[in-house]
């Protein structure tokens, strides 16, 4: 698109991390932004901290709640009549041994990471197809949604693989429609976010407890790498470079591409899966 000035963006998971960076970037481009999250305090801080706050509306929305996302879509279209960018970005993480994670842990990640995207697609895409303007859906997956499963990452990577596959199917479906609505899948690598502290959003009794020193060491190592990762404002700039180029695959950190190639080679050669540590060159 030549200019995003005056266009409308909806960003879920906007109170922190990537969602916050995307909301700020959209505002900087002159867009009207509807930012949602379950973290009301984080949304308030976003409103106070960014330029263009007059063009920002914040709403507390749990993307795992189908009715809440449908109500959001109806409200946005009633007020603005269009959505040019929908960022299905809200996501959470729980790590640890797959057989020791509770069914409640599994359900939380499926409800937020997968059904949050599904609810966004179902609520917004039909309306976007009718609005008569170009529009794009951007679903946040992860490099974990492209790589083979890493130890202690079954819940998170499993849900992110689903987001990737859903996005690929949605691309094919939208390509058969005459309206100018498209989709991208965003696959972040190490970006400085609070994703590894997702449990802060849950009641204390439901928070995850890792059962071994090996799990805790892996958690701490990856969390430290994420904390030292690309800042969210620079990351958002790279995301928009891909969107403006009309790309489906948004891979703002291409240094990780050799890891994707290594996984593909393992599949083609029918070799045993390589560990995440091997792919990262740490073992």
Foldseek 3Di string as FASTA:
>chain_A
DVALAAAEEEFEPCLWFQNVLLQQVSLVRNYQYEYEYQDPVSVVVSLVPHPNSVSYHYDYAQLLDLVRLLVVLVVCCVVPVEHAEYELEDAAADFAAPVPQDVVVLVVRCSRLPSSVVSNCVRHVVSNQPSQDAHEYEYEAAVLLLFPDAHRGCSRSVSSVNSVVVLVVVQVVVVPRPGNYHYAYEHYYQEQICRLVRQVPDPPVNRDDYDDPVRVVVSVVRNVSSNPDHYSNVQSVQQVVCVVVVDRYRYSPCVLVVSSVVRVVCVVVVHDGDHPCVSVVND
